[in-house]
PDB file of N, CA and C in Angstrom:
ATOM      1  N   MET A   1      -2.573  13.165  15.980  1.00  0.00           N
ATOM      2  CA  MET A   1      -1.535  13.000  14.987  1.00  0.00           C
ATOM      3  C   MET A   1      -1.375  14.295  14.206  1.00  0.00           C
ATOM      4  N   SER A   2      -0.157  14.723  14.103  1.00  0.00           N
ATOM      5  CA  SER A   2       0.067  15.980  13.419  1.00  0.00           C
ATOM      6  C   SER A   2       0.353  15.760  11.948  1.00  0.00           C
ATOM      7  N   LYS A   3      -0.029  16.721  11.177  1.00  0.00           N
ATOM      8  CA  LYS A   3       0.211  16.701   9.737  1.00  0.00           C
ATOM      9  C   LYS A   3       1.547  17.363   9.489  1.00  0.00           C
ATOM     10  N   SER A   4       2.335  16.816   8.570  1.00  0.00           N
ATOM     11  CA  SER A   4       3.616  17.447   8.278  1.00  0.00           C
ATOM     12  C   SER A   4       3.384  18.764   7.554  1.00  0.00           C
ATOM     13  N   THR A   5       4.362  19.628   7.646  1.00  0.00           N
ATOM     14  CA  THR A   5       4.316  20.878   6.908  1.00  0.00           C
ATOM     15  C   THR A   5       4.493  20.551   5.435  1.00  0.00           C
ATOM     16  N   ASP A   6       3.783  21.260   4.555  1.00  0.00           N
ATOM     17  CA  ASP A   6       3.894  20.985   3.122  1.00  0.00           C
ATOM     18  C   ASP A   6       5.340  20.851   2.701  1.00  0.00           C
ATOM     19  N   GLY A   7       5.645  19.719   2.072  1.00  0.00           N
ATOM     20  CA  GLY A   7       6.967  19.487   1.551  1.00  0.00           C
ATOM     21  C   GLY A   7       7.959  18.926   2.548  1.00  0.00           C
ATOM     22  N   GLN A   8       7.617  18.908   3.828  1.00  0.00           N
ATOM     23  CA  GLN A   8       8.522  18.369   4.842  1.00  0.00           C
ATOM     24  C   GLN A   8       8.170  16.902   5.080  1.00  0.00           C
ATOM     25  N   ILE A   9       9.114  16.020   4.852  1.00  0.00           N
ATOM     26  CA  ILE A   9       8.845  14.591   4.950  1.00  0.00           C
ATOM     27  C   ILE A   9       8.831  14.132   6.397  1.00  0.00           C
ATOM     28  N   SER A  10       7.817  13.328   6.726  1.00  0.00           N
ATOM     29  CA  SER A  10       7.811  12.618   7.999  1.00  0.00           C
ATOM     30  C   SER A  10       7.501  11.168   7.694  1.00  0.00           C
ATOM     31  N   HIS A  11       7.857  10.310   8.606  1.00  0.00           N
ATOM     32  CA  HIS A  11       7.642   8.875   8.448  1.00  0.00           C
ATOM     33  C   HIS A  11       6.652   8.427   9.503  1.00  0.00           C
ATOM     34  N   ARG A  12       5.746   7.526   9.132  1.00  0.00           N
ATOM     35  CA  ARG A  12       4.684   7.092  10.033  1.00  0.00           C
ATOM     36  C   ARG A  12       4.511   5.582   9.969  1.00  0.00           C
ATOM     37  N   ASP A  13       4.106   5.000  11.108  1.00  0.00           N
ATOM     38  CA  ASP A  13       3.807   3.568  11.111  1.00  0.00           C
ATOM     39  C   ASP A  13       2.416   3.343  10.550  1.00  0.00           C
ATOM     40  N   LYS A  14       1.942   2.108  10.566  1.00  0.00           N
ATOM     41  CA  LYS A  14       0.644   1.781   9.985  1.00  0.00           C
ATOM     42  C   LYS A  14      -0.509   2.522  10.647  1.00  0.00           C
ATOM     43  N   GLU A  15      -0.353   2.853  11.914  1.00  0.00           N
ATOM     44  CA  GLU A  15      -1.412   3.562  12.638  1.00  0.00           C
ATOM     45  C   GLU A  15      -1.279   5.072  12.502  1.00  0.00           C
ATOM     46  N   GLY A  16      -0.250   5.534  11.795  1.00  0.00           N
ATOM     47  CA  GLY A  16      -0.066   6.962  11.576  1.00  0.00           C
ATOM     48  C   GLY A  16       0.799   7.650  12.615  1.00  0.00           C
ATOM     49  N   ARG A  17       1.374   6.888  13.539  1.00  0.00           N
ATOM     50  CA  ARG A  17       2.247   7.486  14.553  1.00  0.00           C
ATOM     51  C   ARG A  17       3.596   7.829  13.925  1.00  0.00           C
ATOM     52  N   PRO A  18       4.144   8.977  14.283  1.00  0.00           N
ATOM     53  CA  PRO A  18       5.452   9.370  13.728  1.00  0.00           C
ATOM     54  C   PRO A  18       6.556   8.375  14.096  1.00  0.00           C
ATOM     55  N   LEU A  19       7.463   8.173  13.162  1.00  0.00           N
ATOM     56  CA  LEU A  19       8.638   7.309  13.357  1.00  0.00           C
ATOM     57  C   LEU A  19       9.894   8.100  13.034  1.00  0.00           C
ATOM     58  N   ASP A  20      10.983   7.781  13.714  1.00  0.00           N
ATOM     59  CA  ASP A  20      12.247   8.360  13.257  1.00  0.00           C
ATOM     60  C   ASP A  20      12.710   7.543  12.050  1.00  0.00           C
ATOM     61  N   LEU A  21      13.662   8.063  11.335  1.00  0.00           N
ATOM     62  CA  LEU A  21      14.089   7.445  10.079  1.00  0.00           C
ATOM     63  C   LEU A  21      14.601   6.022  10.280  1.00  0.00           C
ATOM     64  N   MET A  22      15.330   5.754  11.349  1.00  0.00           N
ATOM     65  CA  MET A  22      15.865   4.412  11.580  1.00  0.00           C
ATOM     66  C   MET A  22      14.741   3.410  11.834  1.00  0.00           C
ATOM     67  N   ALA A  23      13.742   3.768  12.624  1.00  0.00           N
ATOM     68  CA  ALA A  23      12.611   2.868  12.889  1.00  0.00           C
ATOM     69  C   ALA A  23      11.840   2.605  11.598  1.00  0.00           C
ATOM     70  N   TRP A  24      11.621   3.647  10.807  1.00  0.00           N
ATOM     71  CA  TRP A  24      10.926   3.484   9.528  1.00  0.00           C
ATOM     72  C   TRP A  24      11.715   2.539   8.611  1.00  0.00           C
ATOM     73  N   THR A  25      13.037   2.710   8.561  1.00  0.00           N
ATOM     74  CA  THR A  25      13.877   1.874   7.707  1.00  0.00           C
ATOM     75  C   THR A  25      13.772   0.403   8.097  1.00  0.00           C
ATOM     76  N   ARG A  26      13.801   0.112   9.400  1.00  0.00           N
ATOM     77  CA  ARG A  26      13.676  -1.276   9.852  1.00  0.00           C
ATOM     78  C   ARG A  26      12.331  -1.864   9.435  1.00  0.00           C
ATOM     79  N   LEU A  27      11.248  -1.112   9.637  1.00  0.00           N
ATOM     80  CA  LEU A  27       9.917  -1.603   9.256  1.00  0.00           C
ATOM     81  C   LEU A  27       9.788  -1.739   7.749  1.00  0.00           C
ATOM     82  N   HIS A  28      10.346  -0.804   7.004  1.00  0.00           N
ATOM     83  CA  HIS A  28      10.220  -0.813   5.550  1.00  0.00           C
ATOM     84  C   HIS A  28      10.918  -2.016   4.926  1.00  0.00           C
ATOM     85  N   LYS A  29      11.936  -2.538   5.578  1.00  0.00           N
ATOM     86  CA  LYS A  29      12.636  -3.730   5.095  1.00  0.00           C
ATOM     87  C   LYS A  29      11.849  -5.015   5.374  1.00  0.00           C
ATOM     88  N   ASP A  30      10.863  -4.943   6.254  1.00  0.00           N
ATOM     89  CA  ASP A  30      10.107  -6.118   6.700  1.00  0.00           C
ATOM     90  C   ASP A  30       8.851  -6.297   5.840  1.00  0.00           C
ATOM     91  N   LEU A  31       8.935  -7.162   4.837  1.00  0.00           N
ATOM     92  CA  LEU A  31       7.814  -7.360   3.917  1.00  0.00           C
ATOM     93  C   LEU A  31       6.571  -7.866   4.647  1.00  0.00           C
ATOM     94  N   GLU A  32       6.766  -8.671   5.684  1.00  0.00           N
ATOM     95  CA  GLU A  32       5.616  -9.148   6.460  1.00  0.00           C
ATOM     96  C   GLU A  32       4.859  -7.994   7.112  1.00  0.00           C
ATOM     97  N   TYR A  33       5.587  -7.002   7.587  1.00  0.00           N
ATOM     98  CA  TYR A  33       4.955  -5.827   8.175  1.00  0.00           C
ATOM     99  C   TYR A  33       4.266  -4.994   7.098  1.00  0.00           C
ATOM    100  N   ARG A  34       4.932  -4.833   5.976  1.00  0.00           N
ATOM    101  CA  ARG A  34       4.451  -3.928   4.932  1.00  0.00           C
ATOM    102  C   ARG A  34       3.208  -4.416   4.208  1.00  0.00           C
ATOM    103  N   VAL A  35       3.127  -5.700   3.896  1.00  0.00           N
ATOM    104  CA  VAL A  35       2.005  -6.216   3.104  1.00  0.00           C
ATOM    105  C   VAL A  35       0.766  -6.332   3.989  1.00  0.00           C
ATOM    106  N   ILE A  36      -0.298  -5.643   3.583  1.00  0.00           N
ATOM    107  CA  ILE A  36      -1.544  -5.717   4.364  1.00  0.00           C
ATOM    108  C   ILE A  36      -2.623  -6.505   3.632  1.00  0.00           C
ATOM    109  N   ALA A  37      -2.449  -6.721   2.336  1.00  0.00           N
ATOM    110  CA  ALA A  37      -3.416  -7.515   1.570  1.00  0.00           C
ATOM    111  C   ALA A  37      -2.733  -8.001   0.297  1.00  0.00           C
ATOM    112  N   GLU A  38      -3.086  -9.235  -0.090  1.00  0.00           N
ATOM    113  CA  GLU A  38      -2.497  -9.823  -1.283  1.00  0.00           C
ATOM    114  C   GLU A  38      -3.471 -10.843  -1.858  1.00  0.00           C
ATOM    115  N   ASP A  39      -3.736 -10.750  -3.145  1.00  0.00           N
ATOM    116  CA  ASP A  39      -4.630 -11.679  -3.839  1.00  0.00           C
ATOM    117  C   ASP A  39      -4.041 -12.035  -5.187  1.00  0.00           C
ATOM    118  N   GLU A  40      -4.359 -13.240  -5.642  1.00  0.00           N
ATOM    119  CA  GLU A  40      -4.000 -13.649  -6.986  1.00  0.00           C
ATOM    120  C   GLU A  40      -5.271 -13.705  -7.821  1.00  0.00           C
ATOM    121  N   VAL A  41      -5.239 -13.049  -8.958  1.00  0.00           N
ATOM    122  CA  VAL A  41      -6.394 -13.005  -9.853  1.00  0.00           C
ATOM    123  C   VAL A  41      -5.905 -13.304 -11.265  1.00  0.00           C
ATOM    124  N   ALA A  42      -6.345 -14.429 -11.790  1.00  0.00           N
ATOM    125  CA  ALA A  42      -6.048 -14.807 -13.177  1.00  0.00           C
ATOM    126  C   ALA A  42      -4.563 -14.669 -13.508  1.00  0.00           C
ATOM    127  N   GLY A  43      -3.707 -15.172 -12.623  1.00  0.00           N
ATOM    128  CA  GLY A  43      -2.273 -15.141 -12.876  1.00  0.00           C
ATOM    129  C   GLY A  43      -1.593 -13.829 -12.554  1.00  0.00           C
ATOM    130  N   HIS A  44      -2.302 -12.892 -11.972  1.00  0.00           N
ATOM    131  CA  HIS A  44      -1.735 -11.608 -11.570  1.00  0.00           C
ATOM    132  C   HIS A  44      -1.784 -11.492 -10.053  1.00  0.00           C
ATOM    133  N   LEU A  45      -0.736 -10.943  -9.471  1.00  0.00           N
ATOM    134  CA  LEU A  45      -0.674 -10.713  -8.041  1.00  0.00           C
ATOM    135  C   LEU A  45      -1.056  -9.270  -7.756  1.00  0.00           C
ATOM    136  N   VAL A  46      -2.045  -9.082  -6.884  1.00  0.00           N
ATOM    137  CA  VAL A  46      -2.444  -7.748  -6.433  1.00  0.00           C
ATOM    138  C   VAL A  46      -1.965  -7.634  -4.996  1.00  0.00           C
ATOM    139  N   ARG A  47      -1.152  -6.626  -4.728  1.00  0.00           N
ATOM    140  CA  ARG A  47      -0.585  -6.477  -3.391  1.00  0.00           C
ATOM    141  C   ARG A  47      -0.736  -5.031  -2.932  1.00  0.00           C
ATOM    142  N   THR A  48      -1.142  -4.870  -1.667  1.00  0.00           N
ATOM    143  CA  THR A  48      -1.231  -3.542  -1.058  1.00  0.00           C
ATOM    144  C   THR A  48      -0.255  -3.496   0.105  1.00  0.00           C
ATOM    145  N   VAL A  49       0.565  -2.448   0.106  1.00  0.00           N
ATOM    146  CA  VAL A  49       1.633  -2.329   1.088  1.00  0.00           C
ATOM    147  C   VAL A  49       1.635  -0.966   1.776  1.00  0.00           C
ATOM    148  N   TRP A  50       2.169  -0.984   2.986  1.00  0.00           N
ATOM    149  CA  TRP A  50       2.437   0.240   3.741  1.00  0.00           C
ATOM    150  C   TRP A  50       3.738   0.835   3.217  1.00  0.00           C
ATOM    151  N   GLU A  51       3.732   2.133   2.939  1.00  0.00           N
ATOM    152  CA  GLU A  51       4.955   2.843   2.554  1.00  0.00           C
ATOM    153  C   GLU A  51       5.416   3.770   3.671  1.00  0.00           C
ATOM    154  N   GLY A  52       4.474   4.374   4.398  1.00  0.00           N
ATOM    155  CA  GLY A  52       4.798   5.138   5.595  1.00  0.00           C
ATOM    156  C   GLY A  52       5.443   6.484   5.410  1.00  0.00           C
ATOM    157  N   ILE A  53       5.199   7.134   4.285  1.00  0.00           N
ATOM    158  CA  ILE A  53       5.819   8.437   4.055  1.00  0.00           C
ATOM    159  C   ILE A  53       4.736   9.508   3.898  1.00  0.00           C
ATOM    160  N   ASP A  54       4.909  10.591   4.628  1.00  0.00           N
ATOM    161  CA  ASP A  54       4.004  11.743   4.552  1.00  0.00           C
ATOM    162  C   ASP A  54       4.843  12.957   4.206  1.00  0.00           C
ATOM    163  N   ASP A  55       4.551  13.571   3.079  1.00  0.00           N
ATOM    164  CA  ASP A  55       5.288  14.780   2.722  1.00  0.00           C
ATOM    165  C   ASP A  55       4.395  16.017   2.701  1.00  0.00           C
ATOM    166  N   GLY A  56       3.125  15.832   3.019  1.00  0.00           N
ATOM    167  CA  GLY A  56       2.216  16.973   3.103  1.00  0.00           C
ATOM    168  C   GLY A  56       1.772  17.536   1.770  1.00  0.00           C
ATOM    169  N   VAL A  57       2.299  17.008   0.663  1.00  0.00           N
ATOM    170  CA  VAL A  57       1.900  17.523  -0.653  1.00  0.00           C
ATOM    171  C   VAL A  57       1.387  16.421  -1.572  1.00  0.00           C
ATOM    172  N   GLN A  58       1.176  15.237  -1.045  1.00  0.00           N
ATOM    173  CA  GLN A  58       0.638  14.095  -1.784  1.00  0.00           C
ATOM    174  C   GLN A  58       1.515  13.684  -2.970  1.00  0.00           C
ATOM    175  N   VAL A  59       2.799  13.591  -2.704  1.00  0.00           N
ATOM    176  CA  VAL A  59       3.722  13.031  -3.678  1.00  0.00           C
ATOM    177  C   VAL A  59       4.218  11.684  -3.155  1.00  0.00           C
ATOM    178  N   ALA A  60       4.618  11.651  -1.909  1.00  0.00           N
ATOM    179  CA  ALA A  60       5.016  10.402  -1.256  1.00  0.00           C
ATOM    180  C   ALA A  60       3.771   9.806  -0.607  1.00  0.00           C
ATOM    181  N   CYS A  61       3.719   8.488  -0.459  1.00  0.00           N
ATOM    182  CA  CYS A  61       2.466   7.900  -0.002  1.00  0.00           C
ATOM    183  C   CYS A  61       2.613   7.047   1.254  1.00  0.00           C
ATOM    184  N   MET A  62       1.498   6.919   1.955  1.00  0.00           N
ATOM    185  CA  MET A  62       1.398   6.043   3.119  1.00  0.00           C
ATOM    186  C   MET A  62       1.148   4.601   2.686  1.00  0.00           C
ATOM    187  N   TRP A  63       0.369   4.414   1.629  1.00  0.00           N
ATOM    188  CA  TRP A  63      -0.071   3.093   1.170  1.00  0.00           C
ATOM    189  C   TRP A  63      -0.005   3.045  -0.349  1.00  0.00           C
ATOM    190  N   ALA A  64       0.221   1.861  -0.893  1.00  0.00           N
ATOM    191  CA  ALA A  64       0.193   1.707  -2.343  1.00  0.00           C
ATOM    192  C   ALA A  64      -0.293   0.306  -2.676  1.00  0.00           C
ATOM    193  N   ASN A  65      -1.007   0.199  -3.789  1.00  0.00           N
ATOM    194  CA  ASN A  65      -1.317  -1.142  -4.272  1.00  0.00           C
ATOM    195  C   ASN A  65      -0.962  -1.228  -5.743  1.00  0.00           C
ATOM    196  N   GLY A  66      -0.566  -2.438  -6.125  1.00  0.00           N
ATOM    197  CA  GLY A  66      -0.132  -2.644  -7.490  1.00  0.00           C
ATOM    198  C   GLY A  66      -0.448  -4.044  -7.964  1.00  0.00           C
ATOM    199  N   ILE A  67      -0.240  -4.227  -9.250  1.00  0.00           N
ATOM    200  CA  ILE A  67      -0.508  -5.504  -9.916  1.00  0.00           C
ATOM    201  C   ILE A  67       0.787  -5.975 -10.570  1.00  0.00           C
ATOM    202  N   SER A  68       1.056  -7.282 -10.444  1.00  0.00           N
ATOM    203  CA  SER A  68       2.247  -7.864 -11.039  1.00  0.00           C
ATOM    204  C   SER A  68       1.890  -9.169 -11.736  1.00  0.00           C
ATOM    205  N   SER A  69       2.503  -9.401 -12.885  1.00  0.00           N
ATOM    206  CA  SER A  69       2.313 -10.678 -13.565  1.00  0.00           C
ATOM    207  C   SER A  69       3.465 -11.635 -13.270  1.00  0.00           C
ATOM    208  N   ASP A  70       4.579 -11.108 -12.731  1.00  0.00           N
ATOM    209  CA  ASP A  70       5.725 -11.961 -12.424  1.00  0.00           C
ATOM    210  C   ASP A  70       6.026 -12.058 -10.929  1.00  0.00           C
ATOM    211  N   GLY A  71       5.268 -11.336 -10.096  1.00  0.00           N
ATOM    212  CA  GLY A  71       5.477 -11.362  -8.649  1.00  0.00           C
ATOM    213  C   GLY A  71       6.653 -10.534  -8.171  1.00  0.00           C
ATOM    214  N   LYS A  72       7.318  -9.839  -9.097  1.00  0.00           N
ATOM    215  CA  LYS A  72       8.491  -9.037  -8.748  1.00  0.00           C
ATOM    216  C   LYS A  72       8.325  -7.568  -9.121  1.00  0.00           C
ATOM    217  N   THR A  73       7.806  -7.322 -10.300  1.00  0.00           N
ATOM    218  CA  THR A  73       7.638  -5.967 -10.805  1.00  0.00           C
ATOM    219  C   THR A  73       6.166  -5.588 -10.705  1.00  0.00           C
ATOM    220  N   PHE A  74       5.884  -4.530  -9.957  1.00  0.00           N
ATOM    221  CA  PHE A  74       4.500  -4.112  -9.741  1.00  0.00           C
ATOM    222  C   PHE A  74       4.217  -2.801 -10.452  1.00  0.00           C
ATOM    223  N   ARG A  75       3.036  -2.735 -11.057  1.00  0.00           N
ATOM    224  CA  ARG A  75       2.530  -1.494 -11.653  1.00  0.00           C
ATOM    225  C   ARG A  75       1.577  -0.892 -10.623  1.00  0.00           C
ATOM    226  N   THR A  76       1.899   0.272 -10.117  1.00  0.00           N
ATOM    227  CA  THR A  76       1.071   0.918  -9.105  1.00  0.00           C
ATOM    228  C   THR A  76      -0.250   1.343  -9.728  1.00  0.00           C
ATOM    229  N   VAL A  77      -1.356   0.982  -9.055  1.00  0.00           N
ATOM    230  CA  VAL A  77      -2.677   1.366  -9.546  1.00  0.00           C
ATOM    231  C   VAL A  77      -3.407   2.276  -8.562  1.00  0.00           C
ATOM    232  N   TRP A  78      -2.911   2.366  -7.323  1.00  0.00           N
ATOM    233  CA  TRP A  78      -3.556   3.216  -6.329  1.00  0.00           C
ATOM    234  C   TRP A  78      -2.532   3.603  -5.270  1.00  0.00           C
ATOM    235  N   GLU A  79      -2.614   4.859  -4.806  1.00  0.00           N
ATOM    236  CA  GLU A  79      -1.797   5.329  -3.696  1.00  0.00           C
ATOM    237  C   GLU A  79      -2.679   6.060  -2.712  1.00  0.00           C
ATOM    238  N   GLY A  80      -2.423   5.841  -1.439  1.00  0.00           N
ATOM    239  CA  GLY A  80      -3.158   6.523  -0.378  1.00  0.00           C
ATOM    240  C   GLY A  80      -2.221   7.435   0.379  1.00  0.00           C
ATOM    241  N   TYR A  81      -2.542   8.711   0.395  1.00  0.00           N
ATOM    242  CA  TYR A  81      -1.704   9.717   1.041  1.00  0.00           C
ATOM    243  C   TYR A  81      -2.189   9.979   2.457  1.00  0.00           C
ATOM    244  N   TRP A  82      -1.283  10.359   3.334  1.00  0.00           N
ATOM    245  CA  TRP A  82      -1.623  10.719   4.695  1.00  0.00           C
ATOM    246  C   TRP A  82      -2.711  11.781   4.665  1.00  0.00           C
ATOM    247  N   PRO A  83      -3.783  11.627   5.406  1.00  0.00           N
ATOM    248  CA  PRO A  83      -4.028  10.732   6.531  1.00  0.00           C
ATOM    249  C   PRO A  83      -4.794   9.451   6.182  1.00  0.00           C
ATOM    250  N   CYS A  84      -4.605   8.904   5.003  1.00  0.00           N
ATOM    251  CA  CYS A  84      -5.254   7.651   4.617  1.00  0.00           C
ATOM    252  C   CYS A  84      -4.951   6.562   5.651  1.00  0.00           C
ATOM    253  N   THR A  85      -5.961   5.764   5.986  1.00  0.00           N
ATOM    254  CA  THR A  85      -5.814   4.726   7.003  1.00  0.00           C
ATOM    255  C   THR A  85      -5.623   3.344   6.376  1.00  0.00           C
ATOM    256  N   GLN A  86      -5.239   2.402   7.205  1.00  0.00           N
ATOM    257  CA  GLN A  86      -5.096   1.017   6.750  1.00  0.00           C
ATOM    258  C   GLN A  86      -6.437   0.463   6.253  1.00  0.00           C
ATOM    259  N   ASP A  87      -7.527   0.804   6.917  1.00  0.00           N
ATOM    260  CA  ASP A  87      -8.843   0.354   6.455  1.00  0.00           C
ATOM    261  C   ASP A  87      -9.159   0.892   5.062  1.00  0.00           C
ATOM    262  N   GLU A  88      -8.819   2.149   4.816  1.00  0.00           N
ATOM    263  CA  GLU A  88      -9.041   2.723   3.487  1.00  0.00           C
ATOM    264  C   GLU A  88      -8.162   2.039   2.437  1.00  0.00           C
ATOM    265  N   ALA A  89      -6.941   1.699   2.828  1.00  0.00           N
ATOM    266  CA  ALA A  89      -6.042   0.996   1.909  1.00  0.00           C
ATOM    267  C   ALA A  89      -6.583  -0.395   1.583  1.00  0.00           C
ATOM    268  N   LYS A  90      -7.121  -1.087   2.586  1.00  0.00           N
ATOM    269  CA  LYS A  90      -7.705  -2.410   2.345  1.00  0.00           C
ATOM    270  C   LYS A  90      -8.940  -2.309   1.455  1.00  0.00           C
ATOM    271  N   ALA A  91      -9.725  -1.250   1.631  1.00  0.00           N
ATOM    272  CA  ALA A  91     -10.897  -1.043   0.767  1.00  0.00           C
ATOM    273  C   ALA A  91     -10.452  -0.802  -0.678  1.00  0.00           C
ATOM    274  N   ALA A  92      -9.396  -0.032  -0.860  1.00  0.00           N
ATOM    275  CA  ALA A  92      -8.868   0.207  -2.210  1.00  0.00           C
ATOM    276  C   ALA A  92      -8.346  -1.096  -2.808  1.00  0.00           C
ATOM    277  N   HIS A  93      -7.744  -1.933  -1.982  1.00  0.00           N
ATOM    278  CA  HIS A  93      -7.269  -3.241  -2.441  1.00  0.00           C
ATOM    279  C   HIS A  93      -8.445  -4.078  -2.954  1.00  0.00           C
ATOM    280  N   ARG A  94      -9.511  -4.141  -2.151  1.00  0.00           N
ATOM    281  CA  ARG A  94     -10.692  -4.918  -2.568  1.00  0.00           C
ATOM    282  C   ARG A  94     -11.257  -4.385  -3.881  1.00  0.00           C
ATOM    283  N   GLU A  95     -11.253  -3.081  -4.053  1.00  0.00           N
ATOM    284  CA  GLU A  95     -11.760  -2.476  -5.290  1.00  0.00           C
ATOM    285  C   GLU A  95     -10.871  -2.837  -6.483  1.00  0.00           C
ATOM    286  N   THR A  96      -9.558  -2.811  -6.295  1.00  0.00           N
ATOM    287  CA  THR A  96      -8.634  -3.190  -7.358  1.00  0.00           C
ATOM    288  C   THR A  96      -8.850  -4.643  -7.752  1.00  0.00           C
ATOM    289  N   VAL A  97      -8.988  -5.530  -6.747  1.00  0.00           N
ATOM    290  CA  VAL A  97      -9.222  -6.951  -7.014  1.00  0.00           C
ATOM    291  C   VAL A  97     -10.534  -7.143  -7.771  1.00  0.00           C
ATOM    292  N   ALA A  98     -11.593  -6.463  -7.325  1.00  0.00           N
ATOM    293  CA  ALA A  98     -12.896  -6.587  -7.990  1.00  0.00           C
ATOM    294  C   ALA A  98     -12.818  -6.119  -9.439  1.00  0.00           C
ATOM    295  N   THR A  99     -12.116  -5.033  -9.684  1.00  0.00           N
ATOM    296  CA  THR A  99     -11.965  -4.514 -11.044  1.00  0.00           C
ATOM    297  C   THR A  99     -11.203  -5.506 -11.916  1.00  0.00           C
ATOM    298  N   LEU A 100     -10.126  -6.065 -11.371  1.00  0.00           N
ATOM    299  CA  LEU A 100      -9.347  -7.039 -12.133  1.00  0.00           C
ATOM    300  C   LEU A 100     -10.158  -8.304 -12.393  1.00  0.00           C
ATOM    301  N   ARG A 101     -10.914  -8.765 -11.410  1.00  0.00           N
ATOM    302  CA  ARG A 101     -11.762  -9.955 -11.612  1.00  0.00           C
ATOM    303  C   ARG A 101     -12.802  -9.713 -12.697  1.00  0.00           C
ATOM    304  N   ALA A 102     -13.359  -8.499 -12.721  1.00  0.00           N
ATOM    305  CA  ALA A 102     -14.368  -8.176 -13.733  1.00  0.00           C
ATOM    306  C   ALA A 102     -13.752  -8.181 -15.132  1.00  0.00           C
ATOM    307  N   LYS A 103     -12.493  -7.764 -15.229  1.00  0.00           N
ATOM    308  CA  LYS A 103     -11.811  -7.734 -16.521  1.00  0.00           C
ATOM    309  C   LYS A 103     -11.273  -9.097 -16.912  1.00  0.00           C
ATOM    310  N   ARG A 104     -10.947  -9.922 -15.913  1.00  0.00           N
ATOM    311  CA  ARG A 104     -10.347 -11.234 -16.149  1.00  0.00           C
ATOM    312  C   ARG A 104     -11.095 -12.291 -15.337  1.00  0.00           C
ATOM    313  N   PRO A 105     -12.306 -12.618 -15.760  1.00  0.00           N
ATOM    314  CA  PRO A 105     -13.086 -13.588 -14.962  1.00  0.00           C
ATOM    315  C   PRO A 105     -12.444 -14.960 -14.989  1.00  0.00           C
ATOM    316  N   ALA A 106     -11.772 -15.272 -13.900  1.00  0.00           N
ATOM    317  CA  ALA A 106     -11.116 -16.583 -13.740  1.00  0.00           C
ATOM    318  C   ALA A 106     -11.063 -16.868 -12.254  1.00  0.00           C
ATOM    319  N   ASP A 107     -10.681 -18.072 -11.913  1.00  0.00           N
ATOM    320  CA  ASP A 107     -10.563 -18.448 -10.515  1.00  0.00           C
ATOM    321  C   ASP A 107      -9.567 -17.531  -9.819  1.00  0.00           C
ATOM    322  N   ALA A 108      -9.943 -16.976  -8.678  1.00  0.00           N
ATOM    323  CA  ALA A 108      -9.078 -16.093  -7.909  1.00  0.00           C
ATOM    324  C   ALA A 108      -8.891 -16.671  -6.513  1.00  0.00           C
ATOM    325  N   THR A 109      -7.690 -16.565  -6.005  1.00  0.00           N
ATOM    326  CA  THR A 109      -7.367 -17.095  -4.700  1.00  0.00           C
ATOM    327  C   THR A 109      -6.937 -15.984  -3.768  1.00  0.00           C
ATOM    328  N   ARG A 110      -7.577 -15.872  -2.617  1.00  0.00           N
ATOM    329  CA  ARG A 110      -7.210 -14.861  -1.618  1.00  0.00           C
ATOM    330  C   ARG A 110      -5.971 -15.332  -0.881  1.00  0.00           C
ATOM    331  N   ARG A 111      -4.990 -14.447  -0.755  1.00  0.00           N
ATOM    332  CA  ARG A 111      -3.750 -14.812  -0.084  1.00  0.00           C
ATOM    333  C   ARG A 111      -3.500 -13.995   1.170  1.00  0.00           C
ATOM    334  N   GLY A 112      -4.280 -12.965   1.447  1.00  0.00           N
ATOM    335  CA  GLY A 112      -3.987 -12.168   2.632  1.00  0.00           C
ATOM    336  C   GLY A 112      -5.089 -11.262   3.004  1.00  0.00           C
TER     337      GLY A 112
END
């Protein structure tokens, strides 16, 4: 897998394979494809998603996780830049969930 030139945007699937813009757009619209982990903790939704963007300067991200209290608006708490893997994104998700559980000890339900 090649790394993009600094500042030059490329699009990648979950495994890091390059995508053309149209293929990336189709996948990016598919929430089922994008969401790799989701948990509810004390009334907050923690979701980690594939973003699939590599710009070589760590501004655009491959993965992101965030927390939402309404299920619609997410506050980003972690981003994984290329060459971050899906396994690393899932590990960051587990860490975010653990941190939130420690701050809000309540019943938590795993959703994904």
